[in-house]
């Protein structure tokens, strides 16, 4: 079978760890140095897809942090097969931003597979987001993960789950 290639966009507010999550998944690395993404940064990673019986190439578009999308951001999102929404567990407002961005994307491009990463699990003692709120998000969105780009906790599991959701959608569409 021909390998599947999927465009995946990483979106969320400023400084939630989008680039760090991407770097952890693609290169298994983490840096404490904060560098703001300007525009978009593109990485790729091939994973083995059990359901396809071949590789699945993810082309990951790390979109600059924003709480509202304009024409430029929507241009970056065009053609995405799925989304990685990232929020910061120490900043509850970033979850409201994710919910807003999800609504904007769905309204513009229709529903698509996604995962929600509540990042910075390594700072869980500083989290302001309650377990009840995360449970409610899980009920609403299903694929919600408490991740840490720093330690790697659940980053790969979450993104591989997104890849499975994309494959499932492709199979249903075929």
N, C-alpha and C. Protein backbone atom coordinates (compact mmCIF):
# COMPACT_ATOMS: atom_id res chain seq x y z
N UNK A 1 0.83 -1.18 0.00
CA UNK A 1 0.00 0.00 0.00
C UNK A 1 0.87 1.25 0.00
N UNK A 2 0.43 2.29 -0.69
CA UNK A 2 1.16 3.55 -0.76
C UNK A 2 1.12 4.24 0.60
N UNK A 3 2.25 4.75 1.06
CA UNK A 3 2.25 5.48 2.33
C UNK A 3 1.32 6.69 2.27
N UNK A 4 0.69 6.99 3.38
CA UNK A 4 -0.20 8.13 3.49
C UNK A 4 0.59 9.33 4.00
N UNK A 5 0.36 10.49 3.41
CA UNK A 5 0.96 11.73 3.88
C UNK A 5 -0.17 12.65 4.33
N UNK A 6 -0.05 13.19 5.54
CA UNK A 6 -1.09 14.03 6.10
C UNK A 6 -0.50 15.32 6.65
N UNK A 7 -1.15 16.43 6.33
CA UNK A 7 -0.80 17.73 6.91
C UNK A 7 -1.52 17.87 8.24
N UNK A 8 -0.75 18.18 9.29
CA UNK A 8 -1.29 18.37 10.63
C UNK A 8 -0.85 19.75 11.11
N UNK A 9 -1.78 20.55 11.61
CA UNK A 9 -1.46 21.88 12.11
C UNK A 9 -1.51 21.91 13.62
N UNK A 10 -0.49 22.53 14.22
CA UNK A 10 -0.40 22.69 15.67
C UNK A 10 -0.81 24.13 15.97
N UNK A 11 -1.89 24.28 16.76
CA UNK A 11 -2.42 25.62 17.02
C UNK A 11 -2.72 25.81 18.51
N UNK A 12 -2.71 27.06 18.91
CA UNK A 12 -3.01 27.43 20.29
C UNK A 12 -2.48 28.83 20.56
N UNK A 13 -2.66 29.28 21.77
CA UNK A 13 -2.26 30.62 22.18
C UNK A 13 -0.74 30.72 22.25
N UNK A 14 -0.25 31.92 22.52
CA UNK A 14 1.17 32.16 22.65
C UNK A 14 1.74 31.41 23.85
N UNK A 15 2.95 30.88 23.71
CA UNK A 15 3.74 30.32 24.82
C UNK A 15 3.07 29.17 25.56
N UNK A 16 2.31 28.34 24.84
CA UNK A 16 1.70 27.17 25.48
C UNK A 16 2.55 25.92 25.29
N UNK A 17 3.54 25.99 24.38
CA UNK A 17 4.43 24.85 24.15
C UNK A 17 4.22 24.16 22.82
N UNK A 18 3.63 24.84 21.84
CA UNK A 18 3.39 24.21 20.53
C UNK A 18 4.68 23.76 19.88
N UNK A 19 5.67 24.64 19.83
CA UNK A 19 6.95 24.29 19.22
C UNK A 19 7.66 23.22 20.03
N UNK A 20 7.58 23.30 21.34
CA UNK A 20 8.23 22.29 22.20
C UNK A 20 7.59 20.92 22.03
N UNK A 21 6.27 20.88 21.91
CA UNK A 21 5.56 19.61 21.68
C UNK A 21 6.01 19.02 20.34
N UNK A 22 6.07 19.87 19.31
CA UNK A 22 6.48 19.41 17.99
C UNK A 22 7.92 18.90 18.02
N UNK A 23 8.80 19.65 18.67
CA UNK A 23 10.21 19.26 18.76
C UNK A 23 10.36 17.94 19.53
N UNK A 24 9.57 17.76 20.59
CA UNK A 24 9.61 16.51 21.37
C UNK A 24 9.17 15.35 20.49
N UNK A 25 8.09 15.53 19.73
CA UNK A 25 7.57 14.44 18.90
C UNK A 25 8.51 14.12 17.74
N UNK A 26 8.98 15.14 17.04
CA UNK A 26 9.78 14.92 15.83
C UNK A 26 11.21 14.49 16.15
N UNK A 27 11.85 15.15 17.12
CA UNK A 27 13.28 14.91 17.39
C UNK A 27 13.57 14.38 18.79
N UNK A 28 12.52 14.16 19.60
CA UNK A 28 12.67 13.71 20.98
C UNK A 28 13.64 14.61 21.76
N UNK A 29 13.46 15.93 21.59
CA UNK A 29 14.31 16.90 22.27
C UNK A 29 13.44 17.97 22.91
N UNK A 30 14.03 18.66 23.89
CA UNK A 30 13.36 19.78 24.56
C UNK A 30 14.40 20.84 24.87
N UNK A 31 14.02 22.10 24.69
CA UNK A 31 14.88 23.21 25.06
C UNK A 31 14.10 24.16 25.95
N UNK A 32 14.76 24.66 27.01
CA UNK A 32 14.14 25.63 27.90
C UNK A 32 14.11 27.03 27.30
N UNK A 33 14.83 27.21 26.20
CA UNK A 33 14.87 28.54 25.57
C UNK A 33 13.58 28.79 24.81
N UNK A 34 12.95 29.91 25.12
CA UNK A 34 11.69 30.26 24.44
C UNK A 34 12.00 31.08 23.20
N UNK A 35 11.56 30.56 22.07
CA UNK A 35 11.66 31.28 20.80
C UNK A 35 10.27 31.33 20.20
N UNK A 36 9.78 32.53 20.01
CA UNK A 36 8.45 32.70 19.44
C UNK A 36 8.47 32.32 17.96
N UNK A 37 7.48 31.53 17.55
CA UNK A 37 7.37 31.15 16.14
C UNK A 37 6.80 32.33 15.37
N UNK A 38 7.44 32.65 14.26
CA UNK A 38 6.95 33.71 13.38
C UNK A 38 6.39 33.01 12.14
N UNK A 39 5.11 33.21 11.89
CA UNK A 39 4.49 32.56 10.73
C UNK A 39 4.22 31.10 11.00
N UNK A 40 5.01 30.24 10.36
CA UNK A 40 4.83 28.80 10.51
C UNK A 40 6.17 28.10 10.38
N UNK A 41 6.35 27.02 11.14
CA UNK A 41 7.53 26.18 11.05
C UNK A 41 7.05 24.78 10.67
N UNK A 42 7.68 24.18 9.67
CA UNK A 42 7.21 22.89 9.16
C UNK A 42 8.25 21.80 9.44
N UNK A 43 7.78 20.69 10.02
CA UNK A 43 8.60 19.51 10.29
C UNK A 43 7.88 18.29 9.75
N UNK A 44 8.59 17.19 9.59
CA UNK A 44 7.96 15.94 9.17
C UNK A 44 8.45 14.80 10.05
N UNK A 45 7.58 13.81 10.17
CA UNK A 45 7.96 12.58 10.86
C UNK A 45 7.12 11.44 10.28
N UNK A 46 7.79 10.33 10.02
CA UNK A 46 7.10 9.13 9.56
C UNK A 46 6.90 8.21 10.75
N UNK A 47 5.69 7.67 10.84
CA UNK A 47 5.38 6.71 11.89
C UNK A 47 4.83 5.45 11.22
N UNK A 48 4.93 4.36 11.91
CA UNK A 48 4.37 3.11 11.40
C UNK A 48 2.89 3.09 11.72
N UNK A 49 2.08 2.86 10.71
CA UNK A 49 0.64 2.78 10.90
C UNK A 49 0.21 1.32 10.87
N UNK A 50 -0.25 0.83 12.01
CA UNK A 50 -0.70 -0.56 12.08
C UNK A 50 -1.92 -0.77 11.19
N UNK A 51 -2.84 0.20 11.19
CA UNK A 51 -4.07 0.04 10.42
C UNK A 51 -3.82 0.11 8.92
N UNK A 52 -2.78 0.86 8.50
CA UNK A 52 -2.45 0.94 7.08
C UNK A 52 -1.51 -0.18 6.65
N UNK A 53 -0.74 -0.69 7.58
CA UNK A 53 0.28 -1.68 7.25
C UNK A 53 1.45 -1.07 6.50
N UNK A 54 1.64 0.23 6.67
CA UNK A 54 2.73 0.96 6.02
C UNK A 54 3.03 2.20 6.85
N UNK A 55 3.89 3.06 6.32
CA UNK A 55 4.22 4.28 7.06
C UNK A 55 3.19 5.38 6.80
N UNK A 56 3.10 6.26 7.75
CA UNK A 56 2.22 7.43 7.67
C UNK A 56 3.11 8.64 7.92
N UNK A 57 3.27 9.46 6.91
CA UNK A 57 4.12 10.64 7.02
C UNK A 57 3.27 11.82 7.49
N UNK A 58 3.65 12.39 8.63
CA UNK A 58 2.97 13.56 9.14
C UNK A 58 3.80 14.80 8.80
N UNK A 59 3.19 15.73 8.10
CA UNK A 59 3.82 17.01 7.80
C UNK A 59 3.20 17.99 8.80
N UNK A 60 4.00 18.38 9.77
CA UNK A 60 3.49 19.13 10.92
C UNK A 60 3.78 20.62 10.74
N UNK A 61 2.71 21.40 10.69
CA UNK A 61 2.79 22.85 10.55
C UNK A 61 2.58 23.47 11.93
N UNK A 62 3.64 23.98 12.51
CA UNK A 62 3.60 24.64 13.81
C UNK A 62 3.28 26.12 13.54
N UNK A 63 2.02 26.48 13.75
CA UNK A 63 1.54 27.83 13.42
C UNK A 63 1.79 28.76 14.61
N UNK A 64 2.23 29.98 14.32
CA UNK A 64 2.50 30.97 15.36
C UNK A 64 1.30 31.11 16.29
N UNK A 65 1.58 31.28 17.57
CA UNK A 65 0.53 31.40 18.57
C UNK A 65 -0.39 32.58 18.32
N UNK A 66 -1.68 32.33 18.54
CA UNK A 66 -2.68 33.37 18.32
C UNK A 66 -3.93 33.03 19.09
N UNK A 67 -4.67 34.06 19.48
CA UNK A 67 -5.96 33.82 20.12
C UNK A 67 -7.11 34.06 19.15
N UNK A 68 -6.75 34.46 17.92
CA UNK A 68 -7.74 34.73 16.88
C UNK A 68 -7.04 34.55 15.54
N UNK A 69 -7.68 33.82 14.62
CA UNK A 69 -7.09 33.62 13.31
C UNK A 69 -7.54 34.70 12.33
N UNK A 70 -6.60 35.13 11.49
CA UNK A 70 -6.88 36.03 10.39
C UNK A 70 -6.64 35.30 9.09
N UNK A 71 -6.62 36.03 8.00
CA UNK A 71 -6.46 35.44 6.66
C UNK A 71 -5.16 34.65 6.53
N UNK A 72 -4.07 35.16 7.09
CA UNK A 72 -2.78 34.47 6.97
C UNK A 72 -2.82 33.12 7.66
N UNK A 73 -3.33 33.09 8.89
CA UNK A 73 -3.39 31.83 9.63
C UNK A 73 -4.31 30.83 8.93
N UNK A 74 -5.44 31.32 8.43
CA UNK A 74 -6.35 30.41 7.72
C UNK A 74 -5.68 29.84 6.46
N UNK A 75 -4.83 30.62 5.82
CA UNK A 75 -4.10 30.11 4.65
C UNK A 75 -3.17 28.97 5.06
N UNK A 76 -2.52 29.09 6.24
CA UNK A 76 -1.65 28.02 6.73
C UNK A 76 -2.44 26.75 7.02
N UNK A 77 -3.68 26.90 7.47
CA UNK A 77 -4.49 25.76 7.88
C UNK A 77 -5.14 25.02 6.71
N UNK A 78 -5.23 25.68 5.56
CA UNK A 78 -5.90 25.08 4.40
C UNK A 78 -5.29 23.72 4.05
N UNK A 79 -6.13 22.74 3.88
CA UNK A 79 -5.69 21.41 3.47
C UNK A 79 -5.24 20.51 4.62
N UNK A 80 -5.42 20.96 5.85
CA UNK A 80 -5.00 20.14 6.99
C UNK A 80 -5.91 18.92 7.14
N UNK A 81 -5.28 17.79 7.42
CA UNK A 81 -6.03 16.55 7.69
C UNK A 81 -6.42 16.43 9.14
N UNK A 82 -5.72 17.18 10.02
CA UNK A 82 -6.00 17.11 11.44
C UNK A 82 -5.28 18.22 12.18
N UNK A 83 -5.63 18.35 13.46
CA UNK A 83 -5.10 19.44 14.28
C UNK A 83 -4.64 18.94 15.63
N UNK A 84 -3.58 19.59 16.12
CA UNK A 84 -3.12 19.40 17.48
C UNK A 84 -3.35 20.74 18.17
N UNK A 85 -4.34 20.79 19.06
CA UNK A 85 -4.59 22.00 19.83
C UNK A 85 -3.78 21.90 21.11
N UNK A 86 -3.07 22.97 21.45
CA UNK A 86 -2.24 22.95 22.65
C UNK A 86 -2.65 24.09 23.57
N UNK A 87 -2.85 23.75 24.84
CA UNK A 87 -3.15 24.73 25.89
C UNK A 87 -2.15 24.52 27.02
N UNK A 88 -2.08 25.48 27.93
CA UNK A 88 -1.14 25.46 29.05
C UNK A 88 -1.93 25.26 30.34
N UNK A 89 -1.65 24.18 31.05
CA UNK A 89 -2.37 23.86 32.28
C UNK A 89 -2.20 24.89 33.38
N UNK A 90 -1.18 25.74 33.27
CA UNK A 90 -0.98 26.79 34.28
C UNK A 90 -1.71 28.08 33.91
N UNK A 91 -2.32 28.10 32.71
CA UNK A 91 -3.01 29.30 32.23
C UNK A 91 -4.38 28.91 31.65
N UNK A 92 -5.42 28.89 32.49
CA UNK A 92 -6.74 28.43 32.06
C UNK A 92 -7.30 29.18 30.85
N UNK A 93 -6.92 30.45 30.69
CA UNK A 93 -7.42 31.22 29.55
C UNK A 93 -6.99 30.61 28.22
N UNK A 94 -5.90 29.84 28.22
CA UNK A 94 -5.45 29.24 26.97
C UNK A 94 -6.39 28.12 26.50
N UNK A 95 -7.13 27.54 27.44
CA UNK A 95 -8.14 26.54 27.06
C UNK A 95 -9.34 27.22 26.40
N UNK A 96 -9.70 28.40 26.88
CA UNK A 96 -10.78 29.16 26.22
C UNK A 96 -10.34 29.56 24.82
N UNK A 97 -9.07 29.89 24.65
CA UNK A 97 -8.54 30.22 23.32
C UNK A 97 -8.64 29.01 22.40
N UNK A 98 -8.27 27.84 22.91
CA UNK A 98 -8.36 26.62 22.10
C UNK A 98 -9.80 26.37 21.66
N UNK A 99 -10.74 26.53 22.58
CA UNK A 99 -12.15 26.32 22.23
C UNK A 99 -12.59 27.31 21.15
N UNK A 100 -12.13 28.55 21.25
CA UNK A 100 -12.46 29.56 20.25
C UNK A 100 -11.84 29.22 18.89
N UNK A 101 -10.54 28.87 18.89
CA UNK A 101 -9.86 28.53 17.64
C UNK A 101 -10.49 27.29 17.00
N UNK A 102 -10.85 26.31 17.82
CA UNK A 102 -11.51 25.11 17.30
C UNK A 102 -12.80 25.51 16.58
N UNK A 103 -13.57 26.39 17.19
CA UNK A 103 -14.81 26.86 16.56
C UNK A 103 -14.55 27.58 15.25
N UNK A 104 -13.53 28.44 15.22
CA UNK A 104 -13.19 29.16 13.99
C UNK A 104 -12.80 28.19 12.87
N UNK A 105 -11.97 27.21 13.21
CA UNK A 105 -11.50 26.25 12.20
C UNK A 105 -12.66 25.41 11.69
N UNK A 106 -13.48 24.93 12.59
CA UNK A 106 -14.62 24.09 12.20
C UNK A 106 -15.59 24.88 11.32
N UNK A 107 -15.83 26.12 11.66
CA UNK A 107 -16.73 26.95 10.87
C UNK A 107 -16.16 27.21 9.47
N UNK A 108 -14.85 27.37 9.37
CA UNK A 108 -14.23 27.70 8.09
C UNK A 108 -13.98 26.46 7.23
N UNK A 109 -13.46 25.39 7.83
CA UNK A 109 -13.05 24.21 7.06
C UNK A 109 -13.85 22.96 7.34
N UNK A 110 -14.77 23.01 8.28
CA UNK A 110 -15.55 21.83 8.63
C UNK A 110 -14.82 21.00 9.67
N UNK A 111 -15.50 19.96 10.17
CA UNK A 111 -14.89 19.14 11.21
C UNK A 111 -13.70 18.33 10.68
N UNK A 112 -12.73 18.14 11.54
CA UNK A 112 -11.54 17.35 11.20
C UNK A 112 -11.04 16.68 12.47
N UNK A 113 -10.32 15.58 12.35
CA UNK A 113 -9.76 14.92 13.53
C UNK A 113 -8.83 15.87 14.28
N UNK A 114 -8.83 15.76 15.61
CA UNK A 114 -7.93 16.58 16.41
C UNK A 114 -7.71 15.94 17.77
N UNK A 115 -6.63 16.39 18.40
CA UNK A 115 -6.37 16.06 19.79
C UNK A 115 -6.12 17.37 20.52
N UNK A 116 -6.43 17.38 21.79
CA UNK A 116 -6.19 18.54 22.64
C UNK A 116 -5.14 18.16 23.68
N UNK A 117 -4.04 18.89 23.68
CA UNK A 117 -2.97 18.66 24.64
C UNK A 117 -3.01 19.76 25.69
N UNK A 118 -3.26 19.39 26.94
CA UNK A 118 -3.12 20.33 28.04
C UNK A 118 -1.68 20.13 28.51
N UNK A 119 -0.83 21.04 28.11
CA UNK A 119 0.61 20.89 28.23
C UNK A 119 1.15 21.43 29.56
N UNK A 120 2.39 21.13 29.80
CA UNK A 120 3.14 21.53 30.99
C UNK A 120 2.74 20.70 32.21
N UNK A 121 2.52 19.42 31.98
CA UNK A 121 2.20 18.48 33.05
C UNK A 121 3.32 18.41 34.09
N UNK A 122 4.55 18.69 33.66
CA UNK A 122 5.67 18.69 34.60
C UNK A 122 5.52 19.81 35.63
N UNK A 123 4.65 20.78 35.37
CA UNK A 123 4.37 21.87 36.31
C UNK A 123 2.99 21.70 36.95
N UNK A 124 2.54 20.45 37.06
CA UNK A 124 1.17 20.18 37.52
C UNK A 124 0.87 20.80 38.89
N UNK A 125 1.87 20.95 39.74
CA UNK A 125 1.64 21.58 41.04
C UNK A 125 1.26 23.06 40.88
N UNK A 126 1.56 23.63 39.72
CA UNK A 126 1.23 25.03 39.44
C UNK A 126 -0.03 25.17 38.57
N UNK A 127 -0.62 24.04 38.22
CA UNK A 127 -1.80 24.09 37.35
C UNK A 127 -2.95 24.80 38.05
N UNK A 128 -3.63 25.59 37.28
CA UNK A 128 -4.83 26.27 37.76
C UNK A 128 -6.06 25.58 37.19
N UNK A 129 -5.87 24.86 36.10
CA UNK A 129 -6.96 24.13 35.46
C UNK A 129 -7.35 22.95 36.35
N UNK A 130 -8.62 22.86 36.67
CA UNK A 130 -9.08 21.80 37.58
C UNK A 130 -9.25 20.47 36.84
N UNK A 131 -9.19 19.39 37.61
CA UNK A 131 -9.44 18.06 37.06
C UNK A 131 -10.85 17.98 36.49
N UNK A 132 -11.80 18.65 37.15
CA UNK A 132 -13.20 18.63 36.69
C UNK A 132 -13.32 19.29 35.32
N UNK A 133 -12.59 20.39 35.11
CA UNK A 133 -12.63 21.07 33.81
C UNK A 133 -12.03 20.18 32.73
N UNK A 134 -10.93 19.53 33.04
CA UNK A 134 -10.31 18.63 32.06
C UNK A 134 -11.23 17.45 31.77
N UNK A 135 -11.91 16.93 32.80
CA UNK A 135 -12.88 15.85 32.59
C UNK A 135 -14.01 16.32 31.68
N UNK A 136 -14.48 17.56 31.88
CA UNK A 136 -15.55 18.11 31.04
C UNK A 136 -15.07 18.27 29.60
N UNK A 137 -13.82 18.70 29.43
CA UNK A 137 -13.25 18.82 28.08
C UNK A 137 -13.14 17.44 27.43
N UNK A 138 -12.75 16.45 28.21
CA UNK A 138 -12.63 15.09 27.70
C UNK A 138 -14.00 14.57 27.25
N UNK A 139 -15.04 14.88 28.03
CA UNK A 139 -16.40 14.49 27.65
C UNK A 139 -16.82 15.18 26.34
N UNK A 140 -16.44 16.45 26.20
CA UNK A 140 -16.84 17.22 25.02
C UNK A 140 -16.00 16.89 23.78
N UNK A 141 -14.69 16.72 23.96
CA UNK A 141 -13.79 16.57 22.82
C UNK A 141 -13.18 15.18 22.68
N UNK A 142 -13.29 14.35 23.67
CA UNK A 142 -12.84 12.96 23.66
C UNK A 142 -11.33 12.78 23.78
N UNK A 143 -10.55 13.27 22.85
CA UNK A 143 -9.11 12.99 22.84
C UNK A 143 -8.32 14.13 23.47
N UNK A 144 -8.36 14.16 24.81
CA UNK A 144 -7.68 15.19 25.59
C UNK A 144 -6.55 14.51 26.36
N UNK A 145 -5.37 15.10 26.29
CA UNK A 145 -4.19 14.52 26.93
C UNK A 145 -3.50 15.55 27.81
N UNK A 146 -3.05 15.10 28.98
CA UNK A 146 -2.21 15.93 29.85
C UNK A 146 -0.77 15.61 29.46
N UNK A 147 -0.11 16.56 28.83
CA UNK A 147 1.21 16.30 28.27
C UNK A 147 2.29 17.17 28.91
N UNK A 148 3.51 16.75 28.69
CA UNK A 148 4.67 17.57 29.04
C UNK A 148 5.68 17.46 27.91
N UNK A 149 5.89 18.57 27.22
CA UNK A 149 6.92 18.57 26.19
C UNK A 149 8.30 18.39 26.82
N UNK A 150 8.44 18.86 28.05
CA UNK A 150 9.73 18.77 28.75
C UNK A 150 10.11 17.33 29.03
N UNK A 151 9.18 16.54 29.59
CA UNK A 151 9.48 15.15 29.94
C UNK A 151 9.08 14.16 28.85
N UNK A 152 8.21 14.62 27.94
CA UNK A 152 7.71 13.75 26.88
C UNK A 152 6.42 13.03 27.23
N UNK A 153 5.92 13.21 28.46
CA UNK A 153 4.72 12.51 28.90
C UNK A 153 3.56 12.68 27.92
N UNK A 154 3.11 11.58 27.38
CA UNK A 154 1.92 11.46 26.52
C UNK A 154 1.96 12.23 25.20
N UNK A 155 3.08 12.86 24.86
CA UNK A 155 3.15 13.60 23.60
C UNK A 155 3.03 12.66 22.42
N UNK A 156 3.87 11.64 22.38
CA UNK A 156 3.83 10.69 21.26
C UNK A 156 2.50 9.95 21.21
N UNK A 157 2.02 9.52 22.36
CA UNK A 157 0.74 8.81 22.41
C UNK A 157 -0.38 9.67 21.80
N UNK A 158 -0.42 10.95 22.16
CA UNK A 158 -1.47 11.85 21.68
C UNK A 158 -1.39 12.04 20.16
N UNK A 159 -0.18 12.29 19.66
CA UNK A 159 -0.04 12.57 18.23
C UNK A 159 -0.24 11.29 17.41
N UNK A 160 0.17 10.17 17.93
CA UNK A 160 -0.10 8.90 17.24
C UNK A 160 -1.61 8.61 17.22
N UNK A 161 -2.30 8.99 18.28
CA UNK A 161 -3.77 8.85 18.28
C UNK A 161 -4.38 9.72 17.19
N UNK A 162 -3.88 10.94 17.03
CA UNK A 162 -4.36 11.80 15.95
C UNK A 162 -4.13 11.13 14.60
N UNK A 163 -2.96 10.55 14.42
CA UNK A 163 -2.67 9.86 13.15
C UNK A 163 -3.67 8.75 12.90
N UNK A 164 -4.04 7.99 13.94
CA UNK A 164 -5.05 6.94 13.80
C UNK A 164 -6.40 7.52 13.40
N UNK A 165 -6.77 8.65 14.02
CA UNK A 165 -8.05 9.29 13.69
C UNK A 165 -8.06 9.75 12.23
N UNK A 166 -6.93 10.25 11.75
CA UNK A 166 -6.84 10.68 10.36
C UNK A 166 -6.99 9.50 9.43
N UNK A 167 -6.32 8.39 9.75
CA UNK A 167 -6.44 7.17 8.93
C UNK A 167 -7.88 6.68 8.91
N UNK A 168 -8.53 6.66 10.08
CA UNK A 168 -9.92 6.22 10.15
C UNK A 168 -10.81 7.08 9.25
N UNK A 169 -10.59 8.38 9.26
CA UNK A 169 -11.38 9.29 8.42
C UNK A 169 -11.09 9.02 6.94
N UNK A 170 -9.82 8.81 6.59
CA UNK A 170 -9.46 8.53 5.19
C UNK A 170 -10.10 7.25 4.71
N UNK A 171 -10.12 6.22 5.55
CA UNK A 171 -10.72 4.93 5.18
C UNK A 171 -12.22 5.08 4.98
N UNK A 172 -12.88 5.85 5.88
CA UNK A 172 -14.32 6.08 5.74
C UNK A 172 -14.64 6.87 4.48
N UNK A 173 -13.75 7.79 4.09
CA UNK A 173 -13.98 8.64 2.92
C UNK A 173 -13.73 7.91 1.60
N UNK A 174 -12.94 6.84 1.65
CA UNK A 174 -12.54 6.14 0.42
C UNK A 174 -13.68 5.32 -0.18
